[in-house]
C-alpha atoms as a PDB file:
ATOM      1  CA  MET A   1     -37.792 -10.821  27.866  1.00  0.00           C
ATOM      2  CA  LEU A   2     -36.717  -7.357  27.168  1.00  0.00           C
ATOM      3  CA  LEU A   3     -40.270  -5.967  27.978  1.00  0.00           C
ATOM      4  CA  MET A   4     -40.352  -7.841  31.271  1.00  0.00           C
ATOM      5  CA  ALA A   5     -36.778  -6.709  32.309  1.00  0.00           C
ATOM      6  CA  ALA A   6     -37.773  -3.025  31.402  1.00  0.00           C
ATOM      7  CA  LEU A   7     -40.931  -3.339  33.305  1.00  0.00           C
ATOM      8  CA  LEU A   8     -39.112  -4.506  36.591  1.00  0.00           C
ATOM      9  CA  LEU A   9     -36.242  -2.130  36.364  1.00  0.00           C
ATOM     10  CA  SER A  10     -38.417   0.934  35.800  1.00  0.00           C
ATOM     11  CA  GLY A  11     -39.640   0.536  39.392  1.00  0.00           C
ATOM     12  CA  CYS A  12     -36.140   0.903  40.662  1.00  0.00           C
ATOM     13  CA  ALA A  13     -34.844   3.886  42.537  1.00  0.00           C
ATOM     14  CA  ALA A  14     -33.685   6.709  40.453  1.00  0.00           C
ATOM     15  CA  VAL A  15     -30.006   7.397  40.267  1.00  0.00           C
ATOM     16  CA  GLY A  16     -28.553  10.547  41.712  1.00  0.00           C
ATOM     17  CA  PRO A  17     -28.815  12.123  45.038  1.00  0.00           C
ATOM     18  CA  ASN A  18     -32.206  12.814  46.763  1.00  0.00           C
ATOM     19  CA  TYR A  19     -32.753  16.372  47.800  1.00  0.00           C
ATOM     20  CA  VAL A  20     -32.623  17.094  51.409  1.00  0.00           C
ATOM     21  CA  ALA A  21     -33.927  20.645  52.463  1.00  0.00           C
ATOM     22  CA  PRO A  22     -31.288  22.575  54.316  1.00  0.00           C
ATOM     23  CA  ASP A  23     -32.052  23.624  58.016  1.00  0.00           C
ATOM     24  CA  PRO A  24     -30.599  26.955  58.844  1.00  0.00           C
ATOM     25  CA  ALA A  25     -31.650  26.506  62.415  1.00  0.00           C
ATOM     26  CA  PRO A  26     -32.753  30.282  63.090  1.00  0.00           C
ATOM     27  CA  PRO A  27     -33.177  31.571  66.764  1.00  0.00           C
ATOM     28  CA  ALA A  28     -36.506  30.617  68.179  1.00  0.00           C
ATOM     29  CA  THR A  29     -37.389  34.273  69.174  1.00  0.00           C
ATOM     30  CA  TRP A  30     -36.492  37.832  67.869  1.00  0.00           C
ATOM     31  CA  GLN A  31     -33.801  39.830  69.587  1.00  0.00           C
ATOM     32  CA  GLY A  32     -33.754  43.504  70.425  1.00  0.00           C
ATOM     33  CA  ALA A  33     -35.881  46.082  71.887  1.00  0.00           C
ATOM     34  CA  ALA A  34     -38.245  46.276  68.872  1.00  0.00           C
ATOM     35  CA  ALA A  35     -39.064  42.660  69.491  1.00  0.00           C
ATOM     36  CA  ALA A  36     -40.810  43.608  72.782  1.00  0.00           C
ATOM     37  CA  GLN A  37     -43.423  45.741  70.755  1.00  0.00           C
ATOM     38  CA  ALA A  38     -44.341  42.966  68.366  1.00  0.00           C
ATOM     39  CA  THR A  39     -46.990  40.317  68.887  1.00  0.00           C
ATOM     40  CA  ILE A  40     -46.136  36.768  67.731  1.00  0.00           C
ATOM     41  CA  SER A  41     -49.403  35.375  66.236  1.00  0.00           C
ATOM     42  CA  PRO A  42     -50.243  33.039  63.489  1.00  0.00           C
ATOM     43  CA  THR A  43     -50.821  34.804  60.218  1.00  0.00           C
ATOM     44  CA  THR A  44     -52.584  33.665  57.148  1.00  0.00           C
ATOM     45  CA  PRO A  45     -51.061  33.887  53.615  1.00  0.00           C
ATOM     46  CA  GLU A  46     -53.985  36.408  52.718  1.00  0.00           C
ATOM     47  CA  ASP A  47     -52.670  38.687  55.649  1.00  0.00           C
ATOM     48  CA  LEU A  48     -49.251  38.626  54.478  1.00  0.00           C
ATOM     49  CA  ALA A  49     -50.098  39.059  50.860  1.00  0.00           C
ATOM     50  CA  THR A  50     -52.027  42.194  51.636  1.00  0.00           C
ATOM     51  CA  TRP A  51     -49.873  43.591  54.448  1.00  0.00           C
ATOM     52  CA  TRP A  52     -50.291  47.319  53.199  1.00  0.00           C
ATOM     53  CA  LYS A  53     -53.950  47.153  54.512  1.00  0.00           C
ATOM     54  CA  GLN A  54     -52.694  47.229  58.003  1.00  0.00           C
ATOM     55  CA  LEU A  55     -51.584  50.931  57.271  1.00  0.00           C
ATOM     56  CA  ASP A  56     -55.344  51.869  56.748  1.00  0.00           C
ATOM     57  CA  ASP A  57     -54.648  54.117  53.691  1.00  0.00           C
ATOM     58  CA  PRO A  58     -57.169  53.697  50.956  1.00  0.00           C
ATOM     59  CA  THR A  59     -55.090  55.592  48.555  1.00  0.00           C
ATOM     60  CA  LEU A  60     -52.150  53.440  49.160  1.00  0.00           C
ATOM     61  CA  THR A  61     -54.264  50.224  48.603  1.00  0.00           C
ATOM     62  CA  THR A  62     -55.502  51.549  45.363  1.00  0.00           C
ATOM     63  CA  LEU A  63     -52.098  52.350  44.080  1.00  0.00           C
ATOM     64  CA  ILE A  64     -50.640  49.055  45.042  1.00  0.00           C
ATOM     65  CA  GLU A  65     -53.503  47.195  43.501  1.00  0.00           C
ATOM     66  CA  GLN A  66     -53.132  49.066  40.203  1.00  0.00           C
ATOM     67  CA  ALA A  67     -49.387  48.358  40.364  1.00  0.00           C
ATOM     68  CA  LEU A  68     -49.904  44.588  40.763  1.00  0.00           C
ATOM     69  CA  ARG A  69     -52.284  44.580  37.705  1.00  0.00           C
ATOM     70  CA  ASN A  70     -50.149  46.769  35.273  1.00  0.00           C
ATOM     71  CA  SER A  71     -46.575  46.262  36.236  1.00  0.00           C
ATOM     72  CA  PRO A  72     -44.550  45.149  33.099  1.00  0.00           C
ATOM     73  CA  ASP A  73     -42.121  43.401  35.563  1.00  0.00           C
ATOM     74  CA  LEU A  74     -44.945  41.362  37.026  1.00  0.00           C
ATOM     75  CA  HIS A  75     -46.259  40.475  33.518  1.00  0.00           C
ATOM     76  CA  ALA A  76     -42.682  39.220  32.707  1.00  0.00           C
ATOM     77  CA  ALA A  77     -42.731  37.131  36.006  1.00  0.00           C
ATOM     78  CA  GLN A  78     -46.354  35.554  35.157  1.00  0.00           C
ATOM     79  CA  ALA A  79     -45.069  34.640  31.517  1.00  0.00           C
ATOM     80  CA  LYS A  80     -41.978  32.786  33.185  1.00  0.00           C
ATOM     81  CA  LEU A  81     -44.555  30.880  35.328  1.00  0.00           C
ATOM     82  CA  ARG A  82     -46.612  29.945  32.447  1.00  0.00           C
ATOM     83  CA  GLN A  83     -43.444  28.639  30.720  1.00  0.00           C
ATOM     84  CA  ALA A  84     -42.483  26.728  33.791  1.00  0.00           C
ATOM     85  CA  ARG A  85     -45.857  25.051  34.028  1.00  0.00           C
ATOM     86  CA  ALA A  86     -45.669  24.061  30.344  1.00  0.00           C
ATOM     87  CA  GLN A  87     -42.218  22.523  30.919  1.00  0.00           C
ATOM     88  CA  ARG A  88     -43.526  20.746  34.040  1.00  0.00           C
ATOM     89  CA  ALA A  89     -46.294  19.106  31.763  1.00  0.00           C
ATOM     90  CA  LEU A  90     -43.760  18.283  29.109  1.00  0.00           C
ATOM     91  CA  ALA A  91     -41.395  16.426  31.608  1.00  0.00           C
ATOM     92  CA  GLY A  92     -44.394  14.538  33.069  1.00  0.00           C
ATOM     93  CA  ALA A  93     -45.636  13.420  29.741  1.00  0.00           C
ATOM     94  CA  GLU A  94     -42.105  11.881  29.060  1.00  0.00           C
ATOM     95  CA  LEU A  95     -42.833   9.064  31.438  1.00  0.00           C
ATOM     96  CA  PHE A  96     -45.865   7.735  29.530  1.00  0.00           C
ATOM     97  CA  PRO A  97     -46.141   5.866  26.127  1.00  0.00           C
ATOM     98  CA  THR A  98     -46.963   7.722  22.998  1.00  0.00           C
ATOM     99  CA  LEU A  99     -49.769   6.381  20.680  1.00  0.00           C
ATOM    100  CA  SER A 100     -50.398   7.656  17.040  1.00  0.00           C
ATOM    101  CA  GLY A 101     -52.876   6.425  14.367  1.00  0.00           C
ATOM    102  CA  SER A 102     -52.777   6.723  10.588  1.00  0.00           C
ATOM    103  CA  ALA A 103     -54.716   5.784   7.578  1.00  0.00           C
ATOM    104  CA  ALA A 104     -53.580   5.924   3.856  1.00  0.00           C
ATOM    105  CA  GLY A 105     -54.766   4.896   0.481  1.00  0.00           C
ATOM    106  CA  GLN A 106     -52.591   4.619  -2.461  1.00  0.00           C
ATOM    107  CA  ARG A 107     -53.315   4.004  -6.233  1.00  0.00           C
ATOM    108  CA  ALA A 108     -50.487   3.347  -8.466  1.00  0.00           C
ATOM    109  CA  LYS A 109     -50.063   2.537 -12.223  1.00  0.00           C
ATOM    110  CA  ALA A 110     -46.822   0.898 -13.264  1.00  0.00           C
ATOM    111  CA  SER A 111     -45.137   1.404 -16.738  1.00  0.00           C
ATOM    112  CA  GLY A 112     -45.956  -1.268 -19.442  1.00  0.00           C
ATOM    113  CA  GLN A 113     -42.298  -1.117 -20.414  1.00  0.00           C
ATOM    114  CA  SER A 114     -41.262  -2.411 -16.981  1.00  0.00           C
ATOM    115  CA  GLY A 115     -43.021  -5.606 -17.666  1.00  0.00           C
ATOM    116  CA  GLY A 116     -46.013  -4.924 -15.299  1.00  0.00           C
ATOM    117  CA  GLY A 117     -48.633  -2.559 -16.262  1.00  0.00           C
ATOM    118  CA  GLY A 118     -52.083  -2.019 -14.831  1.00  0.00           C
ATOM    119  CA  VAL A 119     -53.438  -0.238 -11.828  1.00  0.00           C
ATOM    120  CA  ALA A 120     -52.619  -1.419  -8.335  1.00  0.00           C
ATOM    121  CA  ASN A 121     -54.487  -0.051  -5.060  1.00  0.00           C
ATOM    122  CA  LEU A 122     -53.237  -0.370  -1.389  1.00  0.00           C
ATOM    123  CA  PHE A 123     -55.121   0.721   1.563  1.00  0.00           C
ATOM    124  CA  ASN A 124     -53.991   0.599   5.122  1.00  0.00           C
ATOM    125  CA  ALA A 125     -54.759   1.879   8.702  1.00  0.00           C
ATOM    126  CA  GLY A 126     -53.427   1.364  11.972  1.00  0.00           C
ATOM    127  CA  PHE A 127     -51.865   2.424  15.287  1.00  0.00           C
ATOM    128  CA  ASP A 128     -48.260   2.974  16.340  1.00  0.00           C
ATOM    129  CA  ALA A 129     -47.071   2.958  19.914  1.00  0.00           C
ATOM    130  CA  SER A 130     -43.588   3.524  21.669  1.00  0.00           C
ATOM    131  CA  TRP A 131     -42.454   3.737  25.150  1.00  0.00           C
ATOM    132  CA  GLU A 132     -39.157   4.432  26.837  1.00  0.00           C
ATOM    133  CA  PRO A 133     -39.256   2.810  30.226  1.00  0.00           C
ATOM    134  CA  ASP A 134     -37.600   5.051  32.989  1.00  0.00           C
ATOM    135  CA  VAL A 135     -35.405   2.210  34.098  1.00  0.00           C
ATOM    136  CA  PHE A 136     -32.715   4.401  35.893  1.00  0.00           C
ATOM    137  CA  GLY A 137     -34.910   7.261  36.774  1.00  0.00           C
ATOM    138  CA  GLY A 138     -33.620  10.122  34.607  1.00  0.00           C
ATOM    139  CA  LEU A 139     -37.139  10.959  33.295  1.00  0.00           C
ATOM    140  CA  ARG A 140     -38.302  11.045  37.007  1.00  0.00           C
ATOM    141  CA  ARG A 141     -35.452  13.229  38.040  1.00  0.00           C
ATOM    142  CA  GLY A 142     -36.249  15.465  34.889  1.00  0.00           C
ATOM    143  CA  GLU A 143     -39.854  15.599  36.124  1.00  0.00           C
ATOM    144  CA  GLU A 144     -38.647  16.518  39.879  1.00  0.00           C
ATOM    145  CA  ALA A 145     -36.493  19.316  38.382  1.00  0.00           C
ATOM    146  CA  ALA A 146     -39.381  20.874  36.370  1.00  0.00           C
ATOM    147  CA  GLN A 147     -41.576  20.696  39.389  1.00  0.00           C
ATOM    148  CA  ALA A 148     -38.909  22.429  41.445  1.00  0.00           C
ATOM    149  CA  ASP A 149     -38.498  24.964  38.689  1.00  0.00           C
ATOM    150  CA  LEU A 150     -42.205  25.598  38.594  1.00  0.00           C
ATOM    151  CA  GLU A 151     -42.168  26.127  42.316  1.00  0.00           C
ATOM    152  CA  ALA A 152     -39.111  28.459  42.059  1.00  0.00           C
ATOM    153  CA  SER A 153     -41.012  30.528  39.532  1.00  0.00           C
ATOM    154  CA  GLU A 154     -44.091  30.760  41.613  1.00  0.00           C
ATOM    155  CA  ALA A 155     -41.889  32.107  44.411  1.00  0.00           C
ATOM    156  CA  ASN A 156     -40.158  34.660  41.941  1.00  0.00           C
ATOM    157  CA  LEU A 157     -43.647  35.916  40.887  1.00  0.00           C
ATOM    158  CA  HIS A 158     -44.477  36.312  44.702  1.00  0.00           C
ATOM    159  CA  ASP A 159     -40.957  38.075  45.145  1.00  0.00           C
ATOM    160  CA  VAL A 160     -41.848  40.569  42.415  1.00  0.00           C
ATOM    161  CA  GLN A 161     -45.240  41.190  44.043  1.00  0.00           C
ATOM    162  CA  VAL A 162     -43.587  41.731  47.322  1.00  0.00           C
ATOM    163  CA  SER A 163     -40.846  44.070  45.935  1.00  0.00           C
ATOM    164  CA  LEU A 164     -43.363  45.971  43.865  1.00  0.00           C
ATOM    165  CA  SER A 165     -45.752  46.625  46.745  1.00  0.00           C
ATOM    166  CA  ALA A 166     -42.882  47.629  48.929  1.00  0.00           C
ATOM    167  CA  GLU A 167     -41.542  50.160  46.321  1.00  0.00           C
ATOM    168  CA  VAL A 168     -44.940  51.673  45.621  1.00  0.00           C
ATOM    169  CA  ALA A 169     -45.459  51.923  49.576  1.00  0.00           C
ATOM    170  CA  LEU A 170     -41.995  53.520  49.919  1.00  0.00           C
ATOM    171  CA  ASN A 171     -42.374  56.062  47.356  1.00  0.00           C
ATOM    172  CA  TYR A 172     -45.872  56.710  48.410  1.00  0.00           C
ATOM    173  CA  VAL A 173     -44.661  57.589  52.086  1.00  0.00           C
ATOM    174  CA  GLU A 174     -41.893  59.711  50.498  1.00  0.00           C
ATOM    175  CA  LEU A 175     -44.311  61.457  48.498  1.00  0.00           C
ATOM    176  CA  ARG A 176     -46.580  62.268  51.506  1.00  0.00           C
ATOM    177  CA  ASN A 177     -43.459  63.244  53.516  1.00  0.00           C
ATOM    178  CA  TYR A 178     -42.487  65.852  51.011  1.00  0.00           C
ATOM    179  CA  GLN A 179     -45.915  67.109  50.838  1.00  0.00           C
ATOM    180  CA  THR A 180     -46.175  67.652  54.510  1.00  0.00           C
ATOM    181  CA  ARG A 181     -42.769  69.216  54.545  1.00  0.00           C
ATOM    182  CA  LEU A 182     -43.728  71.422  51.807  1.00  0.00           C
ATOM    183  CA  GLU A 183     -46.764  72.684  53.529  1.00  0.00           C
ATOM    184  CA  ILE A 184     -44.808  73.397  56.611  1.00  0.00           C
ATOM    185  CA  ALA A 185     -42.223  75.306  54.642  1.00  0.00           C
ATOM    186  CA  LYS A 186     -44.972  77.506  52.979  1.00  0.00           C
ATOM    187  CA  ALA A 187     -46.591  78.052  56.438  1.00  0.00           C
ATOM    188  CA  ASN A 188     -43.315  78.994  57.882  1.00  0.00           C
ATOM    189  CA  ALA A 189     -42.570  81.330  54.858  1.00  0.00           C
ATOM    190  CA  ASP A 190     -45.950  83.069  55.386  1.00  0.00           C
ATOM    191  CA  SER A 191     -45.377  83.374  59.005  1.00  0.00           C
ATOM    192  CA  GLN A 192     -41.891  84.813  58.590  1.00  0.00           C
ATOM    193  CA  LEU A 193     -43.253  87.158  55.940  1.00  0.00           C
ATOM    194  CA  GLU A 194     -45.479  88.478  58.670  1.00  0.00           C
ATOM    195  CA  THR A 195     -42.501  88.689  61.108  1.00  0.00           C
ATOM    196  CA  LEU A 196     -40.534  90.471  58.495  1.00  0.00           C
ATOM    197  CA  LYS A 197     -43.179  93.111  57.945  1.00  0.00           C
ATOM    198  CA  LEU A 198     -43.903  93.575  61.735  1.00  0.00           C
ATOM    199  CA  THR A 199     -40.119  93.958  62.131  1.00  0.00           C
ATOM    200  CA  GLN A 200     -39.999  96.595  59.369  1.00  0.00           C
ATOM    201  CA  TRP A 201     -42.565  98.662  61.129  1.00  0.00           C
ATOM    202  CA  ARG A 202     -40.994  98.410  64.389  1.00  0.00           C
ATOM    203  CA  ALA A 203     -37.598  99.588  62.868  1.00  0.00           C
ATOM    204  CA  GLU A 204     -39.452 102.513  61.239  1.00  0.00           C
ATOM    205  CA  ALA A 205     -40.820 103.335  64.745  1.00  0.00           C
ATOM    206  CA  GLY A 206     -37.439 103.085  66.364  1.00  0.00           C
ATOM    207  CA  LEU A 207     -38.449 100.111  68.361  1.00  0.00           C
ATOM    208  CA  THR A 208     -35.759  97.703  66.848  1.00  0.00           C
ATOM    209  CA  THR A 209     -32.634  97.804  64.747  1.00  0.00           C
ATOM    210  CA  ALA A 210     -31.761  97.258  61.011  1.00  0.00           C
ATOM    211  CA  LEU A 211     -29.970  94.075  62.051  1.00  0.00           C
ATOM    212  CA  ASP A 212     -33.300  92.655  63.368  1.00  0.00           C
ATOM    213  CA  VAL A 213     -34.857  93.476  60.022  1.00  0.00           C
ATOM    214  CA  GLU A 214     -32.174  91.669  58.038  1.00  0.00           C
ATOM    215  CA  GLN A 215     -32.278  88.696  60.289  1.00  0.00           C
ATOM    216  CA  ALA A 216     -36.003  88.335  59.639  1.00  0.00           C
ATOM    217  CA  ARG A 217     -35.390  88.729  56.046  1.00  0.00           C
ATOM    218  CA  SER A 218     -32.673  86.090  55.985  1.00  0.00           C
ATOM    219  CA  ASN A 219     -34.935  83.575  57.877  1.00  0.00           C
ATOM    220  CA  LEU A 220     -37.619  84.008  55.137  1.00  0.00           C
ATOM    221  CA  GLU A 221     -35.231  83.700  52.184  1.00  0.00           C
ATOM    222  CA  GLN A 222     -33.825  80.568  53.715  1.00  0.00           C
ATOM    223  CA  THR A 223     -37.172  79.025  54.103  1.00  0.00           C
ATOM    224  CA  ARG A 224     -38.160  79.992  50.716  1.00  0.00           C
ATOM    225  CA  ALA A 225     -35.089  78.432  49.312  1.00  0.00           C
ATOM    226  CA  GLN A 226     -36.143  75.033  50.664  1.00  0.00           C
ATOM    227  CA  ILE A 227     -39.487  75.058  48.842  1.00  0.00           C
ATOM    228  CA  PRO A 228     -38.167  74.402  45.195  1.00  0.00           C
ATOM    229  CA  SER A 229     -36.174  71.387  46.271  1.00  0.00           C
ATOM    230  CA  LEU A 230     -39.123  70.123  48.489  1.00  0.00           C
ATOM    231  CA  ASP A 231     -41.295  70.431  45.345  1.00  0.00           C
ATOM    232  CA  THR A 232     -38.806  68.659  43.133  1.00  0.00           C
ATOM    233  CA  GLY A 233     -38.667  65.756  45.552  1.00  0.00           C
ATOM    234  CA  ARG A 234     -42.432  65.501  45.669  1.00  0.00           C
ATOM    235  CA  ALA A 235     -42.582  65.433  41.855  1.00  0.00           C
ATOM    236  CA  GLU A 236     -39.878  62.851  41.536  1.00  0.00           C
ATOM    237  CA  ALA A 237     -41.757  60.561  43.991  1.00  0.00           C
ATOM    238  CA  GLU A 238     -44.806  60.988  42.000  1.00  0.00           C
ATOM    239  CA  HIS A 239     -43.256  60.176  38.742  1.00  0.00           C
ATOM    240  CA  ARG A 240     -41.742  57.001  40.365  1.00  0.00           C
ATOM    241  CA  LEU A 241     -45.077  55.942  41.522  1.00  0.00           C
ATOM    242  CA  ALA A 242     -46.390  56.408  37.780  1.00  0.00           C
ATOM    243  CA  ILE A 243     -43.608  54.208  36.526  1.00  0.00           C
ATOM    244  CA  LEU A 244     -44.336  51.430  39.039  1.00  0.00           C
ATOM    245  CA  LEU A 245     -47.816  51.472  38.014  1.00  0.00           C
ATOM    246  CA  GLY A 246     -47.101  51.150  34.492  1.00  0.00           C
ATOM    247  CA  GLN A 247     -48.252  54.827  33.548  1.00  0.00           C
ATOM    248  CA  GLN A 248     -46.777  57.888  32.048  1.00  0.00           C
ATOM    249  CA  PRO A 249     -45.121  60.413  34.462  1.00  0.00           C
ATOM    250  CA  GLY A 250     -47.718  63.002  35.402  1.00  0.00           C
ATOM    251  CA  THR A 251     -50.744  60.679  35.233  1.00  0.00           C
ATOM    252  CA  LEU A 252     -51.141  60.576  38.910  1.00  0.00           C
ATOM    253  CA  HIS A 253     -50.900  64.337  39.732  1.00  0.00           C
ATOM    254  CA  SER A 254     -54.767  64.685  40.049  1.00  0.00           C
ATOM    255  CA  THR A 255     -54.914  61.751  42.184  1.00  0.00           C
ATOM    256  CA  LEU A 256     -52.035  62.753  44.529  1.00  0.00           C
ATOM    257  CA  ALA A 257     -52.250  66.501  44.363  1.00  0.00           C
ATOM    258  CA  ASN A 258     -54.059  66.825  47.720  1.00  0.00           C
ATOM    259  CA  SER A 259     -51.835  66.202  50.558  1.00  0.00           C
ATOM    260  CA  ALA A 260     -52.622  63.600  53.191  1.00  0.00           C
ATOM    261  CA  LYS A 261     -51.172  62.229  56.350  1.00  0.00           C
ATOM    262  CA  ILE A 262     -48.030  59.951  56.320  1.00  0.00           C
ATOM    263  CA  PRO A 263     -49.312  56.411  56.824  1.00  0.00           C
ATOM    264  CA  GLU A 264     -48.547  55.174  60.343  1.00  0.00           C
ATOM    265  CA  ILE A 265     -47.479  51.679  61.379  1.00  0.00           C
ATOM    266  CA  PRO A 266     -49.726  50.181  63.848  1.00  0.00           C
ATOM    267  CA  GLU A 267     -48.388  50.255  67.513  1.00  0.00           C
ATOM    268  CA  ARG A 268     -48.361  46.522  67.747  1.00  0.00           C
ATOM    269  CA  VAL A 269     -47.279  44.740  64.662  1.00  0.00           C
ATOM    270  CA  ILE A 270     -48.282  41.083  64.041  1.00  0.00           C
ATOM    271  CA  VAL A 271     -45.192  39.087  63.395  1.00  0.00           C
ATOM    272  CA  THR A 272     -44.131  35.429  63.135  1.00  0.00           C
ATOM    273  CA  ILE A 273     -41.220  33.586  64.629  1.00  0.00           C
ATOM    274  CA  PRO A 274     -37.824  33.651  62.664  1.00  0.00           C
ATOM    275  CA  ALA A 275     -38.262  30.328  61.322  1.00  0.00           C
ATOM    276  CA  ASP A 276     -41.518  30.983  59.714  1.00  0.00           C
ATOM    277  CA  THR A 277     -40.294  34.338  58.456  1.00  0.00           C
ATOM    278  CA  LEU A 278     -37.523  32.604  56.503  1.00  0.00           C
ATOM    279  CA  ARG A 279     -39.954  30.309  55.090  1.00  0.00           C
ATOM    280  CA  GLN A 280     -42.268  33.025  54.074  1.00  0.00           C
ATOM    281  CA  ARG A 281     -39.570  34.956  52.286  1.00  0.00           C
ATOM    282  CA  PRO A 282     -40.226  34.466  48.614  1.00  0.00           C
ATOM    283  CA  ASP A 283     -36.540  34.966  47.669  1.00  0.00           C
ATOM    284  CA  VAL A 284     -35.465  32.331  49.984  1.00  0.00           C
ATOM    285  CA  ARG A 285     -38.143  29.993  48.897  1.00  0.00           C
ATOM    286  CA  ALA A 286     -37.141  30.505  45.371  1.00  0.00           C
ATOM    287  CA  ALA A 287     -33.336  29.948  46.069  1.00  0.00           C
ATOM    288  CA  GLU A 288     -34.318  26.671  47.923  1.00  0.00           C
ATOM    289  CA  ARG A 289     -36.502  25.464  44.955  1.00  0.00           C
ATOM    290  CA  THR A 290     -33.649  26.264  42.649  1.00  0.00           C
ATOM    291  CA  LEU A 291     -31.283  24.099  44.743  1.00  0.00           C
ATOM    292  CA  ALA A 292     -33.686  21.374  44.605  1.00  0.00           C
ATOM    293  CA  ALA A 293     -34.110  21.509  40.774  1.00  0.00           C
ATOM    294  CA  GLU A 294     -30.224  21.511  40.327  1.00  0.00           C
ATOM    295  CA  THR A 295     -30.077  18.483  42.662  1.00  0.00           C
ATOM    296  CA  ALA A 296     -32.501  16.579  40.717  1.00  0.00           C
ATOM    297  CA  ARG A 297     -30.750  17.537  37.403  1.00  0.00           C
ATOM    298  CA  ILE A 298     -27.584  15.631  38.808  1.00  0.00           C
ATOM    299  CA  GLY A 299     -29.723  12.412  38.514  1.00  0.00           C
ATOM    300  CA  GLU A 300     -30.917  13.371  35.328  1.00  0.00           C
ATOM    301  CA  VAL A 301     -27.697  13.668  33.690  1.00  0.00           C
ATOM    302  CA  GLU A 302     -26.224  10.564  35.569  1.00  0.00           C
ATOM    303  CA  ALA A 303     -28.928   8.314  34.045  1.00  0.00           C
ATOM    304  CA  LYS A 304     -27.547   9.151  30.704  1.00  0.00           C
ATOM    305  CA  ARG A 305     -24.443   7.093  31.501  1.00  0.00           C
ATOM    306  CA  TYR A 306     -26.530   3.983  31.577  1.00  0.00           C
ATOM    307  CA  PRO A 307     -28.272   2.206  28.749  1.00  0.00           C
ATOM    308  CA  SER A 308     -31.749   3.288  27.647  1.00  0.00           C
ATOM    309  CA  PHE A 309     -34.551   0.999  26.561  1.00  0.00           C
ATOM    310  CA  ASN A 310     -37.218   1.493  23.874  1.00  0.00           C
ATOM    311  CA  LEU A 311     -40.199  -0.629  23.082  1.00  0.00           C
ATOM    312  CA  SER A 312     -42.297   0.199  19.903  1.00  0.00           C
ATOM    313  CA  GLY A 313     -44.949  -1.664  18.065  1.00  0.00           C
ATOM    314  CA  SER A 314     -47.612  -1.342  15.488  1.00  0.00           C
ATOM    315  CA  ILE A 315     -50.901  -2.980  14.702  1.00  0.00           C
ATOM    316  CA  GLY A 316     -53.111  -2.251  11.696  1.00  0.00           C
ATOM    317  CA  LEU A 317     -54.822  -3.441   8.402  1.00  0.00           C
ATOM    318  CA  ALA A 318     -53.667  -3.483   4.817  1.00  0.00           C
ATOM    319  CA  ALA A 319     -55.539  -4.793   1.819  1.00  0.00           C
ATOM    320  CA  LEU A 320     -55.725  -4.085  -1.908  1.00  0.00           C
ATOM    321  CA  THR A 321     -59.433  -3.021  -1.627  1.00  0.00           C
ATOM    322  CA  LEU A 322     -61.505  -1.103   1.184  1.00  0.00           C
ATOM    323  CA  GLY A 323     -63.836  -3.907   1.428  1.00  0.00           C
ATOM    324  CA  ASN A 324     -61.052  -6.404   2.284  1.00  0.00           C
ATOM    325  CA  LEU A 325     -59.844  -4.297   5.251  1.00  0.00           C
ATOM    326  CA  ASN A 326     -62.259  -6.260   7.600  1.00  0.00           C
ATOM    327  CA  SER A 327     -60.871  -9.651   6.607  1.00  0.00           C
ATOM    328  CA  VAL A 328     -58.710 -11.484   9.032  1.00  0.00           C
ATOM    329  CA  ASP A 329     -55.729 -11.893   6.747  1.00  0.00           C
ATOM    330  CA  ALA A 330     -55.621  -8.123   6.449  1.00  0.00           C
ATOM    331  CA  THR A 331     -54.029  -7.600   9.822  1.00  0.00           C
ATOM    332  CA  THR A 332     -50.527  -6.499  10.263  1.00  0.00           C
ATOM    333  CA  GLY A 333     -48.395  -5.936  13.368  1.00  0.00           C
ATOM    334  CA  SER A 334     -44.741  -5.537  14.698  1.00  0.00           C
ATOM    335  CA  LEU A 335     -43.026  -5.299  17.905  1.00  0.00           C
ATOM    336  CA  LEU A 336     -39.589  -4.068  18.522  1.00  0.00           C
ATOM    337  CA  GLY A 337     -37.258  -3.785  21.505  1.00  0.00           C
ATOM    338  CA  SER A 338     -34.056  -1.983  21.615  1.00  0.00           C
ATOM    339  CA  ILE A 339     -31.395  -0.978  23.892  1.00  0.00           C
ATOM    340  CA  ALA A 340     -28.842   1.665  23.443  1.00  0.00           C
ATOM    341  CA  GLY A 341     -25.978   3.078  25.744  1.00  0.00           C
ATOM    342  CA  PRO A 342     -23.024   5.192  25.588  1.00  0.00           C
ATOM    343  CA  ILE A 343     -19.798   3.706  24.762  1.00  0.00           C
ATOM    344  CA  PHE A 344     -17.335   6.659  24.403  1.00  0.00           C
ATOM    345  CA  ASP A 345     -18.306  10.378  24.759  1.00  0.00           C
ATOM    346  CA  ALA A 346     -14.920  11.966  25.868  1.00  0.00           C
ATOM    347  CA  GLY A 347     -16.302  12.601  29.268  1.00  0.00           C
ATOM    348  CA  ARG A 348     -19.128  14.759  28.183  1.00  0.00           C
ATOM    349  CA  ILE A 349     -21.694  13.179  30.363  1.00  0.00           C
ATOM    350  CA  ARG A 350     -19.502  13.112  33.420  1.00  0.00           C
ATOM    351  CA  GLN A 351     -18.563  16.795  33.170  1.00  0.00           C
END
């Protein structure tokens, strides 16, 4: 009877609230002047995952790919994802019965002083099974929470990938910007040096005044004063890139020593509607999945307020000799059904 009742009740709905995804109701279109320059078009996950390829800069692409392979932050997020997958597998396994097997042989000699004496053998082999029917859905809610946690970990990994690629691109653009400004400053300094020499020659010829010479010298010194700070900014951006790639500062100098043009954004950028953009944001997706997991845990905890059922049994063989294990009367077995529930816990479950 207990078995039949457990089987019937295990098909009932799980306790606790069912998760309903929030609907933020974003606007149907983008607002502002920049929206007119964008083309709304369906995009594939592959296009979004490799957005930097739209900038058409092979060096930037190489740097981002290296960062995605070597970043310690990314490795940590991947480890958390593997942990979430293991937790999901464990939660799913709780819904099924467990079965174990055993075999043993025993040889014992009793003391003659105890009135017995002699040698006795005992051999046995068998299987043990147990199952906790998920009557009130606590285990199903736990599996639901573990699945949502897994999806949140996947979204967090994607978030790290997006943030990492964006940081690499930002520092790369900053590096190229400093290199361009540095080249311009050096070219201006060379030009202003020639201007100073020409002004000095004209002053010696009486064609201009000493004030003009000092003005030309001041312009040159002001330009030269900008060069160290620009070079420092370039070096700092280069060092940040190395750290993002999981390398030591200075290791990228040979790769990035030669200046190149600053990556340009395409004139018409492919975007999606606001609702799709929200769904594609990994941080929003992770937060939504975390909310789903916590909602499921409400039911997981609430189920502990109700009785739990357990069914266990065993079947096997036992005999005094190995040869007798195949006899009919060597069969052993047991079946046990139990029910347990909280009576008083000082409000721990409710809290």
